[in-house]
Amino acid sequence: MQIEPTIGTLAVLPDQRVATLTAIEPYTRRDGAASAILTWTMKCATCSAPYTVTTGREGPASRNLKIKNCPAHRANWAEIVDRNRKIGEANRKRKATVKASKAAVREAQKAARQVAMAEQAAAKAARANPLGHPKRKLSDEDVAEIRKLSADGFSSGDLAMVFPVSSSAIRNILGGRRRA
């Protein structure tokens, strides 16, 4: 924004600070155009001491007027670089910590899944019929015992009360139709 400079002009900045124009020096730009260097007086945001800032004809729109502190309270470049380096290190450490904690959570979840799978396999094995087939109720030894007891004179009804199958299943075993 081009302003018509006059000594004593007040500029209210976006952060509500007030700058007062205290000096105007003529200046010739590289392209030969006439311009001016404006000197503004402002109060330090830290100690309220007055300090001066110079700008071109653009005046309050200048980046120089965004300086909020007097030279005694401005951070020098070494301090700024050091502060940014420390912030960067802290961010890197925080990211590494977050990454490590996420990895630990993933490992814990993986271990929990493996334990759950092992428990499921154990439960399935416990439910499984030790005789090999889910519907099988008699072992080979039981079948041999049924044949022996039948030869000794026990009926299929008597044997059905001893073994966990029906009398017709025992007749099928004895007749050779099952478990021959």
C-alpha atoms as a PDB file:
ATOM      1  CA  MET A   1       0.000   0.000   0.000  1.00  0.00           C
ATOM      2  CA  GLN A   2       1.480   3.332  -1.031  1.00  0.00           C
ATOM      3  CA  ILE A   3       1.115   6.037   1.580  1.00  0.00           C
ATOM      4  CA  GLU A   4       1.830   9.749   1.346  1.00  0.00           C
ATOM      5  CA  PRO A   5       4.497  10.055   4.019  1.00  0.00           C
ATOM      6  CA  THR A   6       4.284  12.895   6.512  1.00  0.00           C
ATOM      7  CA  ILE A   7       6.133  13.086   9.812  1.00  0.00           C
ATOM      8  CA  GLY A   8       3.886  12.120  12.731  1.00  0.00           C
ATOM      9  CA  THR A   9       1.738   9.681  10.739  1.00  0.00           C
ATOM     10  CA  LEU A  10       0.419   6.887  12.945  1.00  0.00           C
ATOM     11  CA  ALA A  11       0.082   3.322  11.668  1.00  0.00           C
ATOM     12  CA  VAL A  12      -1.944   0.766  13.609  1.00  0.00           C
ATOM     13  CA  LEU A  13      -0.588  -2.698  12.911  1.00  0.00           C
ATOM     14  CA  PRO A  14      -2.740  -5.860  12.789  1.00  0.00           C
ATOM     15  CA  ASP A  15      -1.515  -6.859  16.281  1.00  0.00           C
ATOM     16  CA  GLN A  16      -2.793  -3.465  17.629  1.00  0.00           C
ATOM     17  CA  ARG A  17       0.682  -1.931  18.023  1.00  0.00           C
ATOM     18  CA  VAL A  18       1.085   1.680  16.964  1.00  0.00           C
ATOM     19  CA  ALA A  19       4.003   2.927  14.868  1.00  0.00           C
ATOM     20  CA  THR A  20       4.784   6.654  14.503  1.00  0.00           C
ATOM     21  CA  LEU A  21       6.608   7.983  11.430  1.00  0.00           C
ATOM     22  CA  THR A  22       9.602  10.003  12.734  1.00  0.00           C
ATOM     23  CA  ALA A  23      11.834  10.585   9.685  1.00  0.00           C
ATOM     24  CA  ILE A  24      11.781  10.493   5.890  1.00  0.00           C
ATOM     25  CA  GLU A  25      15.006  10.200   3.888  1.00  0.00           C
ATOM     26  CA  PRO A  26      15.038  10.469   0.099  1.00  0.00           C
ATOM     27  CA  TYR A  27      16.237   7.395  -1.746  1.00  0.00           C
ATOM     28  CA  THR A  28      16.839   6.475  -5.392  1.00  0.00           C
ATOM     29  CA  ARG A  29      16.086   2.909  -6.359  1.00  0.00           C
ATOM     30  CA  ARG A  30      18.243   0.846  -8.721  1.00  0.00           C
ATOM     31  CA  ASP A  31      15.852   1.483 -11.573  1.00  0.00           C
ATOM     32  CA  GLY A  32      16.303   5.229 -11.029  1.00  0.00           C
ATOM     33  CA  ALA A  33      12.888   5.871  -9.540  1.00  0.00           C
ATOM     34  CA  ALA A  34      12.659   8.231  -6.603  1.00  0.00           C
ATOM     35  CA  SER A  35      11.563   6.725  -3.327  1.00  0.00           C
ATOM     36  CA  ALA A  36      12.002   7.290   0.384  1.00  0.00           C
ATOM     37  CA  ILE A  37      13.248   5.444   3.451  1.00  0.00           C
ATOM     38  CA  LEU A  38      10.797   5.848   6.316  1.00  0.00           C
ATOM     39  CA  THR A  39      11.858   5.631   9.956  1.00  0.00           C
ATOM     40  CA  TRP A  40       9.174   4.482  12.384  1.00  0.00           C
ATOM     41  CA  THR A  41       9.258   4.571  16.171  1.00  0.00           C
ATOM     42  CA  MET A  42       7.523   1.776  18.051  1.00  0.00           C
ATOM     43  CA  LYS A  43       7.426   0.421  21.606  1.00  0.00           C
ATOM     44  CA  CYS A  44       9.073  -2.888  22.510  1.00  0.00           C
ATOM     45  CA  ALA A  45       6.536  -5.620  23.304  1.00  0.00           C
ATOM     46  CA  THR A  46       8.777  -6.832  26.146  1.00  0.00           C
ATOM     47  CA  CYS A  47      10.075  -3.708  27.904  1.00  0.00           C
ATOM     48  CA  SER A  48       7.967  -0.918  26.301  1.00  0.00           C
ATOM     49  CA  ALA A  49      11.148   1.012  25.424  1.00  0.00           C
ATOM     50  CA  PRO A  50      10.973   2.909  22.113  1.00  0.00           C
ATOM     51  CA  TYR A  51      12.958   1.599  19.159  1.00  0.00           C
ATOM     52  CA  THR A  52      13.163   2.507  15.465  1.00  0.00           C
ATOM     53  CA  VAL A  53      12.525   0.497  12.346  1.00  0.00           C
ATOM     54  CA  THR A  54      13.161   1.596   8.764  1.00  0.00           C
ATOM     55  CA  THR A  55      10.959   0.683   5.829  1.00  0.00           C
ATOM     56  CA  GLY A  56      10.513   1.614   2.235  1.00  0.00           C
ATOM     57  CA  ARG A  57       7.579   3.588   0.881  1.00  0.00           C
ATOM     58  CA  GLU A  58       5.260   0.638   1.565  1.00  0.00           C
ATOM     59  CA  GLY A  59       5.260   1.671   5.208  1.00  0.00           C
ATOM     60  CA  PRO A  60       3.110  -0.376   7.607  1.00  0.00           C
ATOM     61  CA  ALA A  61       2.748  -3.221   5.084  1.00  0.00           C
ATOM     62  CA  SER A  62       6.496  -3.823   5.359  1.00  0.00           C
ATOM     63  CA  ARG A  63       7.885  -6.958   6.937  1.00  0.00           C
ATOM     64  CA  ASN A  64      10.173  -4.787   9.099  1.00  0.00           C
ATOM     65  CA  LEU A  65       7.207  -3.473  11.100  1.00  0.00           C
ATOM     66  CA  LYS A  66       6.411  -7.042  12.166  1.00  0.00           C
ATOM     67  CA  ILE A  67       9.440  -6.867  14.469  1.00  0.00           C
ATOM     68  CA  LYS A  68       7.892  -6.674  17.932  1.00  0.00           C
ATOM     69  CA  ASN A  69      10.918  -6.111  20.154  1.00  0.00           C
ATOM     70  CA  CYS A  70      13.781  -3.700  20.540  1.00  0.00           C
ATOM     71  CA  PRO A  71      17.263  -4.944  19.554  1.00  0.00           C
ATOM     72  CA  ALA A  72      18.010  -5.924  23.177  1.00  0.00           C
ATOM     73  CA  HIS A  73      15.045  -8.311  23.229  1.00  0.00           C
ATOM     74  CA  ARG A  74      15.264  -9.720  19.713  1.00  0.00           C
ATOM     75  CA  ALA A  75      16.582 -13.219  19.352  1.00  0.00           C
ATOM     76  CA  ASN A  76      19.724 -13.394  17.266  1.00  0.00           C
ATOM     77  CA  TRP A  77      20.051 -15.925  14.486  1.00  0.00           C
ATOM     78  CA  ALA A  78      22.217 -18.257  16.562  1.00  0.00           C
ATOM     79  CA  GLU A  79      19.510 -18.406  19.242  1.00  0.00           C
ATOM     80  CA  ILE A  80      16.800 -18.981  16.664  1.00  0.00           C
ATOM     81  CA  VAL A  81      18.781 -21.733  14.949  1.00  0.00           C
ATOM     82  CA  ASP A  82      19.605 -23.336  18.318  1.00  0.00           C
ATOM     83  CA  ARG A  83      15.963 -23.159  19.441  1.00  0.00           C
ATOM     84  CA  ASN A  84      14.762 -24.673  16.136  1.00  0.00           C
ATOM     85  CA  ARG A  85      17.401 -27.408  16.399  1.00  0.00           C
ATOM     86  CA  LYS A  86      16.206 -28.264  19.913  1.00  0.00           C
ATOM     87  CA  ILE A  87      12.586 -28.287  18.751  1.00  0.00           C
ATOM     88  CA  GLY A  88      13.558 -30.555  15.846  1.00  0.00           C
ATOM     89  CA  GLU A  89      15.408 -32.938  18.186  1.00  0.00           C
ATOM     90  CA  ALA A  90      12.443 -33.007  20.557  1.00  0.00           C
ATOM     91  CA  ASN A  91      10.106 -33.755  17.633  1.00  0.00           C
ATOM     92  CA  ARG A  92      12.393 -36.530  16.393  1.00  0.00           C
ATOM     93  CA  LYS A  93      12.542 -38.056  19.889  1.00  0.00           C
ATOM     94  CA  ARG A  94       8.767 -37.802  20.233  1.00  0.00           C
ATOM     95  CA  LYS A  95       8.257 -39.440  16.836  1.00  0.00           C
ATOM     96  CA  ALA A  96      10.727 -42.205  17.722  1.00  0.00           C
ATOM     97  CA  THR A  97       8.923 -42.787  21.030  1.00  0.00           C
ATOM     98  CA  VAL A  98       5.548 -42.904  19.290  1.00  0.00           C
ATOM     99  CA  LYS A  99       6.941 -45.245  16.648  1.00  0.00           C
ATOM    100  CA  ALA A 100       8.445 -47.529  19.311  1.00  0.00           C
ATOM    101  CA  SER A 101       5.228 -47.577  21.327  1.00  0.00           C
ATOM    102  CA  LYS A 102       3.202 -48.386  18.204  1.00  0.00           C
ATOM    103  CA  ALA A 103       5.641 -51.201  17.392  1.00  0.00           C
ATOM    104  CA  ALA A 104       5.288 -52.516  20.952  1.00  0.00           C
ATOM    105  CA  VAL A 105       1.501 -52.412  20.643  1.00  0.00           C
ATOM    106  CA  ARG A 106       1.689 -54.276  17.321  1.00  0.00           C
ATOM    107  CA  GLU A 107       3.971 -56.909  18.881  1.00  0.00           C
ATOM    108  CA  ALA A 108       1.624 -57.289  21.858  1.00  0.00           C
ATOM    109  CA  GLN A 109      -1.347 -57.663  19.509  1.00  0.00           C
ATOM    110  CA  LYS A 110       0.575 -60.224  17.458  1.00  0.00           C
ATOM    111  CA  ALA A 111       1.442 -62.186  20.620  1.00  0.00           C
ATOM    112  CA  ALA A 112      -2.177 -62.000  21.774  1.00  0.00           C
ATOM    113  CA  ARG A 113      -3.349 -63.302  18.380  1.00  0.00           C
ATOM    114  CA  GLN A 114      -0.855 -66.181  18.590  1.00  0.00           C
ATOM    115  CA  VAL A 115      -2.018 -67.048  22.121  1.00  0.00           C
ATOM    116  CA  ALA A 116      -5.657 -66.921  20.984  1.00  0.00           C
ATOM    117  CA  MET A 117      -4.870 -69.163  18.009  1.00  0.00           C
ATOM    118  CA  ALA A 118      -3.035 -71.618  20.284  1.00  0.00           C
ATOM    119  CA  GLU A 119      -5.996 -71.634  22.686  1.00  0.00           C
ATOM    120  CA  GLN A 120      -8.388 -72.244  19.792  1.00  0.00           C
ATOM    121  CA  ALA A 121      -6.219 -75.102  18.543  1.00  0.00           C
ATOM    122  CA  ALA A 122      -6.085 -76.604  22.052  1.00  0.00           C
ATOM    123  CA  ALA A 123      -9.858 -76.274  22.430  1.00  0.00           C
ATOM    124  CA  LYS A 124     -10.374 -77.907  19.046  1.00  0.00           C
ATOM    125  CA  ALA A 125      -8.010 -80.706  19.995  1.00  0.00           C
ATOM    126  CA  ALA A 126      -9.882 -81.180  23.279  1.00  0.00           C
ATOM    127  CA  ARG A 127     -13.183 -81.372  21.418  1.00  0.00           C
ATOM    128  CA  ALA A 128     -11.765 -83.793  18.878  1.00  0.00           C
ATOM    129  CA  ASN A 129     -12.723 -87.431  19.244  1.00  0.00           C
ATOM    130  CA  PRO A 130      -9.710 -89.460  20.385  1.00  0.00           C
ATOM    131  CA  LEU A 131     -10.980 -92.301  18.209  1.00  0.00           C
ATOM    132  CA  GLY A 132     -10.165 -90.431  15.025  1.00  0.00           C
ATOM    133  CA  HIS A 133     -13.591 -89.697  13.580  1.00  0.00           C
ATOM    134  CA  PRO A 134     -16.080 -87.204  15.079  1.00  0.00           C
ATOM    135  CA  LYS A 135     -18.936 -89.749  15.041  1.00  0.00           C
ATOM    136  CA  ARG A 136     -16.911 -92.741  16.158  1.00  0.00           C
ATOM    137  CA  LYS A 137     -17.954 -94.006  19.607  1.00  0.00           C
ATOM    138  CA  LEU A 138     -16.151 -97.309  19.882  1.00  0.00           C
ATOM    139  CA  SER A 139     -12.465 -98.092  19.673  1.00  0.00           C
ATOM    140  CA  ASP A 140     -11.065-101.208  18.047  1.00  0.00           C
ATOM    141  CA  GLU A 141     -10.590-102.669  21.517  1.00  0.00           C
ATOM    142  CA  ASP A 142     -14.280-102.006  22.290  1.00  0.00           C
ATOM    143  CA  VAL A 143     -15.324-103.846  19.101  1.00  0.00           C
ATOM    144  CA  ALA A 144     -13.099-106.832  20.022  1.00  0.00           C
ATOM    145  CA  GLU A 145     -14.623-106.829  23.531  1.00  0.00           C
ATOM    146  CA  ILE A 146     -18.178-106.758  22.092  1.00  0.00           C
ATOM    147  CA  ARG A 147     -17.420-109.777  19.895  1.00  0.00           C
ATOM    148  CA  LYS A 148     -15.851-111.624  22.813  1.00  0.00           C
ATOM    149  CA  LEU A 149     -18.777-110.888  25.181  1.00  0.00           C
ATOM    150  CA  SER A 150     -21.285-111.856  22.483  1.00  0.00           C
ATOM    151  CA  ALA A 151     -19.489-115.175  22.046  1.00  0.00           C
ATOM    152  CA  ASP A 152     -19.739-115.627  25.828  1.00  0.00           C
ATOM    153  CA  GLY A 153     -23.545-115.331  25.551  1.00  0.00           C
ATOM    154  CA  PHE A 154     -24.399-111.648  26.139  1.00  0.00           C
ATOM    155  CA  SER A 155     -27.226-110.283  23.990  1.00  0.00           C
ATOM    156  CA  SER A 156     -26.993-107.122  21.919  1.00  0.00           C
ATOM    157  CA  GLY A 157     -29.380-105.375  24.359  1.00  0.00           C
ATOM    158  CA  ASP A 158     -27.111-106.254  27.304  1.00  0.00           C
ATOM    159  CA  LEU A 159     -24.074-105.012  25.415  1.00  0.00           C
ATOM    160  CA  ALA A 160     -25.921-101.767  24.446  1.00  0.00           C
ATOM    161  CA  MET A 161     -26.277-100.978  28.159  1.00  0.00           C
ATOM    162  CA  VAL A 162     -22.525-101.373  28.674  1.00  0.00           C
ATOM    163  CA  PHE A 163     -21.288 -99.562  25.519  1.00  0.00           C
ATOM    164  CA  PRO A 164     -22.491 -96.104  24.339  1.00  0.00           C
ATOM    165  CA  VAL A 165     -24.236 -97.374  21.185  1.00  0.00           C
ATOM    166  CA  SER A 166     -27.634 -98.807  20.340  1.00  0.00           C
ATOM    167  CA  SER A 167     -28.418-102.505  20.185  1.00  0.00           C
ATOM    168  CA  SER A 168     -28.836-102.260  16.398  1.00  0.00           C
ATOM    169  CA  ALA A 169     -25.301-100.870  16.124  1.00  0.00           C
ATOM    170  CA  ILE A 170     -24.028-103.836  18.132  1.00  0.00           C
ATOM    171  CA  ARG A 171     -25.951-106.231  15.843  1.00  0.00           C
ATOM    172  CA  ASN A 172     -24.359-104.503  12.826  1.00  0.00           C
ATOM    173  CA  ILE A 173     -20.906-105.004  14.376  1.00  0.00           C
ATOM    174  CA  LEU A 174     -21.630-108.655  15.146  1.00  0.00           C
ATOM    175  CA  GLY A 175     -23.100-109.238  11.688  1.00  0.00           C
ATOM    176  CA  GLY A 176     -20.019-107.783  10.004  1.00  0.00           C
ATOM    177  CA  ARG A 177     -21.870-104.861   8.440  1.00  0.00           C
ATOM    178  CA  ARG A 178     -19.888-102.364  10.549  1.00  0.00           C
ATOM    179  CA  ARG A 179     -16.299-102.427  11.683  1.00  0.00           C
ATOM    180  CA  ALA A 180     -15.555-105.699  10.006  1.00  0.00           C
END
